[in-house]
Amino acid sequence: MKRLNQSLMKGANWILAGLLTLLGFSGCEIGETPVEYGTPYADYTVKGTVVNRADGKPVKGIRVSYTRPNESIAMYGVIPTSYEERLTDTSGDDGSFTLSERLYIFDENPAYVYTHDIDGTANGGYFGIDSLAVDFSKVKPGGKPDGWYDGEYTVTVTVELTDKREL
């Protein structure tokens, strides 16, 4: 009798193991949110036009760049500078420029736009600006957020420069 019960239990275990192998098994519930690892990110774009402050005409050949203050931390004994170009563009014939990058989500601190006249006196000698604050915190995101992706933040600015010859 004892031997019959053992054989019966052994057979039942084999049958159950076979059924689970054929049908599969799952420890997850349907509709459960998948685990995501990483950091929230978004697309940040600064669009704008570089113009002459005196007459409002577009200025071409101006390098425009942006940075974020205190963006990096001191590592390995290297102290970060307060100004480090992250991305640059050169203004076109119509003075337009676009700076766009996919980054981790910005905090409340604004980004800063800087300009440099890189063509010398070819189209006039222009003084750059010290900095122009670009605040992404008040912009509503466009695009479709998905998972960690928060959408697209776009800010449009006008950079006014003074021609050295007009001073």
N, C-alpha and C. Protein backbone atom coordinates (compact mmCIF):
# COMPACT_ATOMS: atom_id res chain seq x y z
N MET A 1 0.83 -1.19 0.00
CA MET A 1 0.00 0.00 0.00
C MET A 1 0.87 1.25 0.00
N LYS A 2 1.91 1.22 0.84
CA LYS A 2 2.81 2.37 0.92
C LYS A 2 3.52 2.56 -0.42
N ARG A 3 3.90 1.47 -1.03
CA ARG A 3 4.59 1.52 -2.32
C ARG A 3 3.66 2.06 -3.41
N LEU A 4 2.39 1.73 -3.35
CA LEU A 4 1.40 2.21 -4.30
C LEU A 4 1.22 3.73 -4.17
N ASN A 5 1.17 4.24 -2.94
CA ASN A 5 1.03 5.69 -2.71
C ASN A 5 2.25 6.45 -3.23
N GLN A 6 3.45 5.90 -3.03
CA GLN A 6 4.66 6.54 -3.52
C GLN A 6 4.67 6.58 -5.04
N SER A 7 4.30 5.51 -5.66
CA SER A 7 4.25 5.45 -7.13
C SER A 7 3.21 6.42 -7.66
N LEU A 8 2.07 6.48 -6.99
CA LEU A 8 1.01 7.39 -7.40
C LEU A 8 1.46 8.86 -7.28
N MET A 9 2.14 9.19 -6.17
CA MET A 9 2.65 10.57 -5.96
C MET A 9 3.73 10.91 -6.99
N LYS A 10 4.60 9.96 -7.24
CA LYS A 10 5.66 10.18 -8.21
C LYS A 10 5.07 10.40 -9.60
N GLY A 11 4.10 9.63 -9.96
CA GLY A 11 3.44 9.78 -11.26
C GLY A 11 2.70 11.11 -11.37
N ALA A 12 2.03 11.49 -10.29
CA ALA A 12 1.31 12.78 -10.29
C ALA A 12 2.29 13.94 -10.43
N ASN A 13 3.44 13.86 -9.76
CA ASN A 13 4.46 14.92 -9.88
C ASN A 13 4.98 15.01 -11.31
N TRP A 14 5.20 13.88 -11.96
CA TRP A 14 5.68 13.89 -13.34
C TRP A 14 4.64 14.49 -14.27
N ILE A 15 3.41 14.16 -14.05
CA ILE A 15 2.33 14.70 -14.90
C ILE A 15 2.21 16.21 -14.71
N LEU A 16 2.22 16.67 -13.47
CA LEU A 16 2.14 18.11 -13.22
C LEU A 16 3.35 18.85 -13.79
N ALA A 17 4.54 18.31 -13.62
CA ALA A 17 5.75 18.93 -14.17
C ALA A 17 5.66 19.00 -15.69
N GLY A 18 5.15 17.94 -16.30
CA GLY A 18 4.99 17.93 -17.76
C GLY A 18 3.99 18.96 -18.23
N LEU A 19 2.87 19.09 -17.51
CA LEU A 19 1.85 20.08 -17.88
C LEU A 19 2.39 21.51 -17.75
N LEU A 20 3.11 21.77 -16.65
CA LEU A 20 3.67 23.11 -16.47
C LEU A 20 4.71 23.42 -17.56
N THR A 21 5.47 22.41 -17.96
CA THR A 21 6.46 22.62 -19.01
C THR A 21 5.76 22.91 -20.34
N LEU A 22 4.72 22.16 -20.65
CA LEU A 22 4.01 22.36 -21.92
C LEU A 22 3.23 23.67 -21.95
N LEU A 23 2.54 24.00 -20.86
CA LEU A 23 1.68 25.17 -20.84
C LEU A 23 2.40 26.44 -20.37
N GLY A 24 3.51 26.26 -19.70
CA GLY A 24 4.24 27.41 -19.18
C GLY A 24 3.61 27.90 -17.90
N PHE A 25 4.33 28.74 -17.22
CA PHE A 25 3.80 29.32 -15.98
C PHE A 25 4.35 30.72 -15.85
N SER A 26 3.65 31.55 -15.10
CA SER A 26 4.02 32.94 -14.97
C SER A 26 3.80 33.38 -13.54
N GLY A 27 4.73 34.21 -13.06
CA GLY A 27 4.59 34.75 -11.71
C GLY A 27 4.17 36.20 -11.74
N CYS A 28 3.88 36.74 -12.93
CA CYS A 28 3.53 38.15 -13.07
C CYS A 28 2.04 38.28 -13.38
N GLU A 29 1.47 39.35 -12.91
CA GLU A 29 0.07 39.62 -13.21
C GLU A 29 -0.04 40.41 -14.50
N ILE A 30 -1.12 40.22 -15.21
CA ILE A 30 -1.35 40.96 -16.45
C ILE A 30 -1.64 42.41 -16.09
N GLY A 31 -1.05 43.35 -16.85
CA GLY A 31 -1.30 44.76 -16.62
C GLY A 31 -0.32 45.41 -15.65
N GLU A 32 0.60 44.66 -15.13
CA GLU A 32 1.58 45.22 -14.20
C GLU A 32 2.56 46.10 -14.97
N THR A 33 2.90 47.25 -14.43
CA THR A 33 3.82 48.17 -15.07
C THR A 33 5.23 47.58 -15.08
N PRO A 34 5.89 47.56 -16.24
CA PRO A 34 7.24 47.00 -16.28
C PRO A 34 8.23 47.89 -15.52
N VAL A 35 9.24 47.27 -15.01
CA VAL A 35 10.27 48.00 -14.28
C VAL A 35 11.18 48.69 -15.29
N GLU A 36 11.44 49.98 -15.09
CA GLU A 36 12.33 50.72 -15.96
C GLU A 36 13.50 51.24 -15.15
N TYR A 37 14.67 51.11 -15.71
CA TYR A 37 15.87 51.60 -15.05
C TYR A 37 16.41 52.77 -15.86
N GLY A 38 16.87 53.81 -15.20
CA GLY A 38 17.44 54.94 -15.91
C GLY A 38 17.08 56.25 -15.26
N THR A 39 17.17 57.30 -16.05
CA THR A 39 16.91 58.65 -15.60
C THR A 39 15.92 59.31 -16.54
N PRO A 40 14.96 60.07 -16.03
CA PRO A 40 14.06 60.78 -16.92
C PRO A 40 14.83 61.72 -17.85
N TYR A 41 14.40 61.81 -19.09
CA TYR A 41 15.08 62.66 -20.07
C TYR A 41 14.05 63.33 -20.97
N ALA A 42 14.52 64.35 -21.68
CA ALA A 42 13.67 65.09 -22.60
C ALA A 42 14.54 65.74 -23.67
N ASP A 43 13.90 66.24 -24.72
CA ASP A 43 14.60 66.99 -25.76
C ASP A 43 14.48 68.47 -25.44
N TYR A 44 15.60 69.17 -25.39
CA TYR A 44 15.63 70.61 -25.10
C TYR A 44 16.17 71.34 -26.32
N THR A 45 15.43 72.36 -26.77
CA THR A 45 15.82 73.11 -27.95
C THR A 45 15.75 74.61 -27.66
N VAL A 46 16.82 75.30 -28.06
CA VAL A 46 16.83 76.76 -28.02
C VAL A 46 16.90 77.21 -29.47
N LYS A 47 15.83 77.88 -29.94
CA LYS A 47 15.80 78.44 -31.29
C LYS A 47 15.85 79.94 -31.16
N GLY A 48 16.44 80.57 -32.14
CA GLY A 48 16.46 82.02 -32.05
C GLY A 48 17.06 82.69 -33.27
N THR A 49 17.20 84.00 -33.13
CA THR A 49 17.75 84.83 -34.18
C THR A 49 18.74 85.80 -33.56
N VAL A 50 19.88 86.00 -34.23
CA VAL A 50 20.87 86.98 -33.81
C VAL A 50 20.65 88.22 -34.66
N VAL A 51 20.42 89.37 -34.01
CA VAL A 51 20.15 90.61 -34.74
C VAL A 51 21.06 91.73 -34.24
N ASN A 52 21.22 92.74 -35.09
CA ASN A 52 21.94 93.95 -34.72
C ASN A 52 21.01 94.80 -33.85
N ARG A 53 21.48 95.19 -32.70
CA ARG A 53 20.65 95.93 -31.76
C ARG A 53 20.18 97.27 -32.35
N ALA A 54 21.00 97.91 -33.15
CA ALA A 54 20.67 99.24 -33.66
C ALA A 54 19.55 99.22 -34.70
N ASP A 55 19.63 98.28 -35.66
CA ASP A 55 18.64 98.31 -36.74
C ASP A 55 17.77 97.06 -36.82
N GLY A 56 18.03 96.05 -36.01
CA GLY A 56 17.21 94.84 -35.99
C GLY A 56 17.46 93.89 -37.15
N LYS A 57 18.50 94.15 -37.96
CA LYS A 57 18.81 93.28 -39.10
C LYS A 57 19.52 92.02 -38.59
N PRO A 58 19.30 90.89 -39.27
CA PRO A 58 19.95 89.65 -38.85
C PRO A 58 21.47 89.71 -39.04
N VAL A 59 22.18 89.01 -38.19
CA VAL A 59 23.64 88.96 -38.24
C VAL A 59 24.05 87.51 -38.47
N LYS A 60 24.82 87.28 -39.54
CA LYS A 60 25.28 85.92 -39.82
C LYS A 60 26.71 85.73 -39.31
N GLY A 61 27.12 84.48 -39.18
CA GLY A 61 28.49 84.16 -38.79
C GLY A 61 28.79 84.33 -37.31
N ILE A 62 27.77 84.30 -36.48
CA ILE A 62 27.97 84.40 -35.03
C ILE A 62 27.83 83.00 -34.43
N ARG A 63 28.82 82.57 -33.68
CA ARG A 63 28.73 81.27 -33.01
C ARG A 63 27.90 81.45 -31.75
N VAL A 64 26.87 80.62 -31.61
CA VAL A 64 25.98 80.66 -30.46
C VAL A 64 26.15 79.33 -29.72
N SER A 65 26.32 79.40 -28.41
CA SER A 65 26.48 78.18 -27.62
C SER A 65 25.70 78.32 -26.32
N TYR A 66 25.49 77.20 -25.66
CA TYR A 66 24.82 77.28 -24.37
C TYR A 66 25.50 76.36 -23.37
N THR A 67 25.23 76.64 -22.11
CA THR A 67 25.77 75.84 -21.02
C THR A 67 24.78 75.86 -19.88
N ARG A 68 25.02 74.99 -18.93
CA ARG A 68 24.20 74.95 -17.71
C ARG A 68 25.14 75.14 -16.53
N PRO A 69 24.84 76.02 -15.60
CA PRO A 69 25.72 76.23 -14.45
C PRO A 69 25.68 75.04 -13.49
N ASN A 70 26.81 74.77 -12.88
CA ASN A 70 26.92 73.70 -11.88
C ASN A 70 26.38 72.38 -12.39
N GLU A 71 26.58 72.14 -13.68
CA GLU A 71 26.06 70.94 -14.31
C GLU A 71 26.87 69.71 -13.93
N SER A 72 28.15 69.91 -13.76
CA SER A 72 28.99 68.78 -13.39
C SER A 72 29.54 68.99 -11.99
N ILE A 73 29.95 67.94 -11.40
CA ILE A 73 30.50 68.03 -10.05
C ILE A 73 32.00 67.82 -10.12
N ALA A 74 32.70 68.30 -9.11
CA ALA A 74 34.15 68.14 -9.08
C ALA A 74 34.48 66.66 -8.88
N MET A 75 35.26 66.13 -9.78
CA MET A 75 35.67 64.73 -9.67
C MET A 75 37.17 64.62 -9.87
N TYR A 76 37.76 63.74 -9.16
CA TYR A 76 39.18 63.44 -9.30
C TYR A 76 40.04 64.69 -9.20
N GLY A 77 39.66 65.61 -8.36
CA GLY A 77 40.45 66.81 -8.13
C GLY A 77 40.31 67.88 -9.20
N VAL A 78 39.41 67.70 -10.18
CA VAL A 78 39.21 68.68 -11.24
C VAL A 78 38.02 69.55 -10.87
N ILE A 79 38.23 70.84 -10.81
CA ILE A 79 37.15 71.77 -10.48
C ILE A 79 36.52 72.24 -11.79
N PRO A 80 35.21 72.05 -11.95
CA PRO A 80 34.57 72.46 -13.21
C PRO A 80 34.54 73.98 -13.35
N THR A 81 34.64 74.45 -14.59
CA THR A 81 34.56 75.88 -14.86
C THR A 81 33.10 76.30 -14.87
N SER A 82 32.86 77.58 -14.71
CA SER A 82 31.48 78.06 -14.71
C SER A 82 30.92 78.12 -16.12
N TYR A 83 31.79 78.13 -17.13
CA TYR A 83 31.32 78.19 -18.52
C TYR A 83 32.02 77.11 -19.34
N GLU A 84 31.24 76.19 -19.83
CA GLU A 84 31.75 75.13 -20.69
C GLU A 84 30.72 74.91 -21.77
N GLU A 85 31.11 75.10 -23.03
CA GLU A 85 30.17 74.97 -24.13
C GLU A 85 29.68 73.54 -24.23
N ARG A 86 28.38 73.36 -24.26
CA ARG A 86 27.80 72.02 -24.44
C ARG A 86 27.46 71.79 -25.89
N LEU A 87 26.97 72.79 -26.55
CA LEU A 87 26.50 72.65 -27.91
C LEU A 87 26.63 73.99 -28.60
N THR A 88 27.03 74.00 -29.87
CA THR A 88 27.19 75.26 -30.59
C THR A 88 26.52 75.18 -31.95
N ASP A 89 26.20 76.36 -32.48
CA ASP A 89 25.68 76.51 -33.83
C ASP A 89 26.13 77.87 -34.32
N THR A 90 26.18 78.06 -35.62
CA THR A 90 26.55 79.35 -36.20
C THR A 90 25.33 79.95 -36.87
N SER A 91 25.09 81.23 -36.62
CA SER A 91 23.91 81.88 -37.20
C SER A 91 24.04 81.93 -38.72
N GLY A 92 22.92 81.67 -39.39
CA GLY A 92 22.88 81.65 -40.85
C GLY A 92 22.67 83.03 -41.43
N ASP A 93 22.41 83.09 -42.72
CA ASP A 93 22.19 84.37 -43.42
C ASP A 93 21.03 85.15 -42.82
N ASP A 94 20.03 84.44 -42.34
CA ASP A 94 18.87 85.10 -41.73
C ASP A 94 19.03 85.28 -40.22
N GLY A 95 20.25 85.00 -39.70
CA GLY A 95 20.53 85.17 -38.27
C GLY A 95 20.01 84.05 -37.38
N SER A 96 19.40 83.03 -37.99
CA SER A 96 18.78 81.98 -37.18
C SER A 96 19.80 80.95 -36.69
N PHE A 97 19.49 80.34 -35.56
CA PHE A 97 20.29 79.27 -35.00
C PHE A 97 19.38 78.32 -34.24
N THR A 98 19.84 77.09 -34.07
CA THR A 98 19.10 76.08 -33.31
C THR A 98 20.09 75.26 -32.51
N LEU A 99 19.83 75.14 -31.23
CA LEU A 99 20.62 74.30 -30.34
C LEU A 99 19.68 73.28 -29.74
N SER A 100 19.92 72.00 -30.03
CA SER A 100 19.00 70.97 -29.57
C SER A 100 19.78 69.76 -29.08
N GLU A 101 19.33 69.22 -27.95
CA GLU A 101 20.02 68.08 -27.37
C GLU A 101 19.05 67.30 -26.48
N ARG A 102 19.26 65.99 -26.42
CA ARG A 102 18.47 65.14 -25.52
C ARG A 102 19.27 64.98 -24.24
N LEU A 103 18.67 65.42 -23.13
CA LEU A 103 19.37 65.43 -21.85
C LEU A 103 18.47 64.93 -20.74
N TYR A 104 19.08 64.74 -19.58
CA TYR A 104 18.30 64.44 -18.39
C TYR A 104 17.42 65.66 -18.10
N ILE A 105 16.40 65.50 -17.33
CA ILE A 105 15.45 66.59 -17.11
C ILE A 105 16.09 67.70 -16.29
N PHE A 106 15.98 68.92 -16.81
CA PHE A 106 16.57 70.08 -16.16
C PHE A 106 15.85 70.38 -14.86
N ASP A 107 16.58 70.97 -13.95
CA ASP A 107 15.96 71.42 -12.71
C ASP A 107 15.50 72.86 -12.91
N GLU A 108 15.33 73.59 -11.85
CA GLU A 108 14.81 74.96 -11.94
C GLU A 108 15.83 75.97 -12.46
N ASN A 109 17.12 75.62 -12.51
CA ASN A 109 18.14 76.57 -12.96
C ASN A 109 18.07 76.75 -14.47
N PRO A 110 18.21 78.00 -14.94
CA PRO A 110 18.14 78.23 -16.39
C PRO A 110 19.45 77.83 -17.08
N ALA A 111 19.36 77.64 -18.39
CA ALA A 111 20.55 77.47 -19.22
C ALA A 111 20.98 78.87 -19.65
N TYR A 112 22.22 79.02 -20.09
CA TYR A 112 22.71 80.32 -20.53
C TYR A 112 23.23 80.23 -21.95
N VAL A 113 22.87 81.24 -22.78
CA VAL A 113 23.31 81.32 -24.16
C VAL A 113 24.43 82.36 -24.24
N TYR A 114 25.50 82.00 -24.97
CA TYR A 114 26.64 82.88 -25.18
C TYR A 114 26.87 83.03 -26.68
N THR A 115 27.46 84.18 -27.09
CA THR A 115 27.76 84.39 -28.50
C THR A 115 29.22 84.78 -28.67
N HIS A 116 29.77 84.44 -29.85
CA HIS A 116 31.14 84.81 -30.21
C HIS A 116 31.14 85.16 -31.69
N ASP A 117 31.74 86.31 -32.04
CA ASP A 117 31.86 86.70 -33.44
C ASP A 117 33.09 85.99 -33.99
N ILE A 118 32.88 84.92 -34.77
CA ILE A 118 34.00 84.09 -35.21
C ILE A 118 34.52 84.46 -36.59
N ASP A 119 33.84 85.38 -37.30
CA ASP A 119 34.33 85.75 -38.64
C ASP A 119 35.07 87.08 -38.63
N GLY A 120 35.43 87.57 -37.45
CA GLY A 120 36.18 88.82 -37.36
C GLY A 120 35.36 90.00 -37.82
N THR A 121 35.90 90.76 -38.74
CA THR A 121 35.19 91.96 -39.22
C THR A 121 34.52 91.73 -40.58
N ALA A 122 34.36 90.49 -41.00
CA ALA A 122 33.76 90.19 -42.31
C ALA A 122 32.36 90.78 -42.45
N ASN A 123 31.53 90.69 -41.44
CA ASN A 123 30.19 91.27 -41.52
C ASN A 123 29.97 92.28 -40.39
N GLY A 124 31.06 92.85 -39.92
CA GLY A 124 31.00 93.78 -38.80
C GLY A 124 31.61 93.12 -37.58
N GLY A 125 32.15 93.88 -36.70
CA GLY A 125 32.71 93.32 -35.48
C GLY A 125 31.70 93.47 -34.36
N TYR A 126 31.21 92.39 -33.83
CA TYR A 126 30.15 92.45 -32.83
C TYR A 126 30.65 92.06 -31.45
N PHE A 127 30.15 92.78 -30.46
CA PHE A 127 30.40 92.41 -29.08
C PHE A 127 29.43 91.30 -28.71
N GLY A 128 29.93 90.29 -28.04
CA GLY A 128 29.06 89.21 -27.58
C GLY A 128 28.35 89.63 -26.32
N ILE A 129 27.41 88.84 -25.92
CA ILE A 129 26.71 89.09 -24.67
C ILE A 129 27.39 88.26 -23.58
N ASP A 130 27.33 88.72 -22.36
CA ASP A 130 27.88 87.94 -21.26
C ASP A 130 27.11 86.64 -21.12
N SER A 131 25.81 86.75 -21.04
CA SER A 131 24.97 85.57 -20.99
C SER A 131 23.51 85.99 -21.14
N LEU A 132 22.73 85.10 -21.70
CA LEU A 132 21.30 85.30 -21.85
C LEU A 132 20.64 84.08 -21.21
N ALA A 133 19.90 84.29 -20.14
CA ALA A 133 19.28 83.18 -19.43
C ALA A 133 18.10 82.62 -20.23
N VAL A 134 18.06 81.31 -20.34
CA VAL A 134 16.96 80.61 -21.01
C VAL A 134 16.32 79.70 -19.98
N ASP A 135 15.07 79.99 -19.65
CA ASP A 135 14.39 79.27 -18.59
C ASP A 135 13.44 78.22 -19.18
N PHE A 136 13.78 76.94 -19.02
CA PHE A 136 12.94 75.87 -19.52
C PHE A 136 11.83 75.48 -18.54
N SER A 137 11.91 75.95 -17.30
CA SER A 137 10.97 75.49 -16.28
C SER A 137 9.53 75.96 -16.52
N LYS A 138 9.34 77.02 -17.30
CA LYS A 138 8.00 77.54 -17.53
C LYS A 138 7.42 77.11 -18.87
N VAL A 139 8.16 76.26 -19.59
CA VAL A 139 7.72 75.81 -20.91
C VAL A 139 6.98 74.49 -20.76
N LYS A 140 5.83 74.39 -21.41
CA LYS A 140 5.10 73.13 -21.41
C LYS A 140 5.69 72.22 -22.49
N PRO A 141 5.88 70.95 -22.16
CA PRO A 141 6.50 70.05 -23.14
C PRO A 141 5.56 69.74 -24.30
N GLY A 142 6.16 69.62 -25.47
CA GLY A 142 5.43 69.17 -26.64
C GLY A 142 5.79 67.71 -26.88
N GLY A 143 5.27 67.14 -27.94
CA GLY A 143 5.56 65.74 -28.21
C GLY A 143 4.78 64.84 -27.26
N LYS A 144 5.01 63.57 -27.38
CA LYS A 144 4.27 62.61 -26.58
C LYS A 144 5.19 61.98 -25.53
N PRO A 145 4.95 62.26 -24.24
CA PRO A 145 5.74 61.60 -23.20
C PRO A 145 5.51 60.09 -23.24
N ASP A 146 6.58 59.35 -22.96
CA ASP A 146 6.48 57.89 -23.01
C ASP A 146 7.52 57.31 -22.06
N GLY A 147 7.06 56.67 -21.00
CA GLY A 147 7.99 56.07 -20.04
C GLY A 147 8.84 57.15 -19.39
N TRP A 148 10.13 57.02 -19.49
CA TRP A 148 11.05 58.01 -18.92
C TRP A 148 11.14 59.27 -19.78
N TYR A 149 10.73 59.20 -21.05
CA TYR A 149 10.81 60.35 -21.95
C TYR A 149 9.72 61.35 -21.59
N ASP A 150 10.11 62.62 -21.36
CA ASP A 150 9.18 63.63 -20.88
C ASP A 150 8.67 64.56 -21.97
N GLY A 151 9.14 64.43 -23.21
CA GLY A 151 8.66 65.29 -24.29
C GLY A 151 9.72 66.25 -24.78
N GLU A 152 9.28 67.28 -25.50
CA GLU A 152 10.17 68.26 -26.11
C GLU A 152 9.91 69.64 -25.50
N TYR A 153 10.96 70.28 -25.05
CA TYR A 153 10.88 71.64 -24.50
C TYR A 153 11.60 72.56 -25.48
N THR A 154 10.88 73.58 -25.99
CA THR A 154 11.47 74.50 -26.95
C THR A 154 11.27 75.93 -26.47
N VAL A 155 12.37 76.71 -26.49
CA VAL A 155 12.34 78.12 -26.13
C VAL A 155 12.87 78.91 -27.32
N THR A 156 12.20 80.01 -27.67
CA THR A 156 12.64 80.87 -28.76
C THR A 156 13.14 82.19 -28.18
N VAL A 157 14.34 82.61 -28.60
CA VAL A 157 14.95 83.84 -28.07
C VAL A 157 15.45 84.70 -29.22
N THR A 158 15.63 85.99 -28.93
CA THR A 158 16.27 86.92 -29.85
C THR A 158 17.51 87.46 -29.16
N VAL A 159 18.65 87.28 -29.81
CA VAL A 159 19.92 87.75 -29.25
C VAL A 159 20.29 89.03 -29.96
N GLU A 160 20.39 90.14 -29.20
CA GLU A 160 20.75 91.43 -29.77
C GLU A 160 22.21 91.73 -29.51
N LEU A 161 22.95 92.03 -30.60
CA LEU A 161 24.38 92.34 -30.48
C LEU A 161 24.63 93.76 -30.93
N THR A 162 25.68 94.36 -30.37
CA THR A 162 26.07 95.71 -30.72
C THR A 162 27.30 95.67 -31.62
N ASP A 163 27.22 96.38 -32.75
CA ASP A 163 28.35 96.46 -33.67
C ASP A 163 29.39 97.40 -33.08
N LYS A 164 30.64 96.98 -33.05
CA LYS A 164 31.73 97.79 -32.48
C LYS A 164 31.86 99.11 -33.22
N ARG A 165 31.54 99.14 -34.51
CA ARG A 165 31.69 100.36 -35.31
C ARG A 165 30.67 101.42 -34.92
N GLU A 166 29.61 101.01 -34.25
CA GLU A 166 28.57 101.97 -33.88
C GLU A 166 28.82 102.62 -32.53
N LEU A 167 29.89 102.24 -31.85
CA LEU A 167 30.17 102.81 -30.54
C LEU A 167 31.02 104.06 -30.63
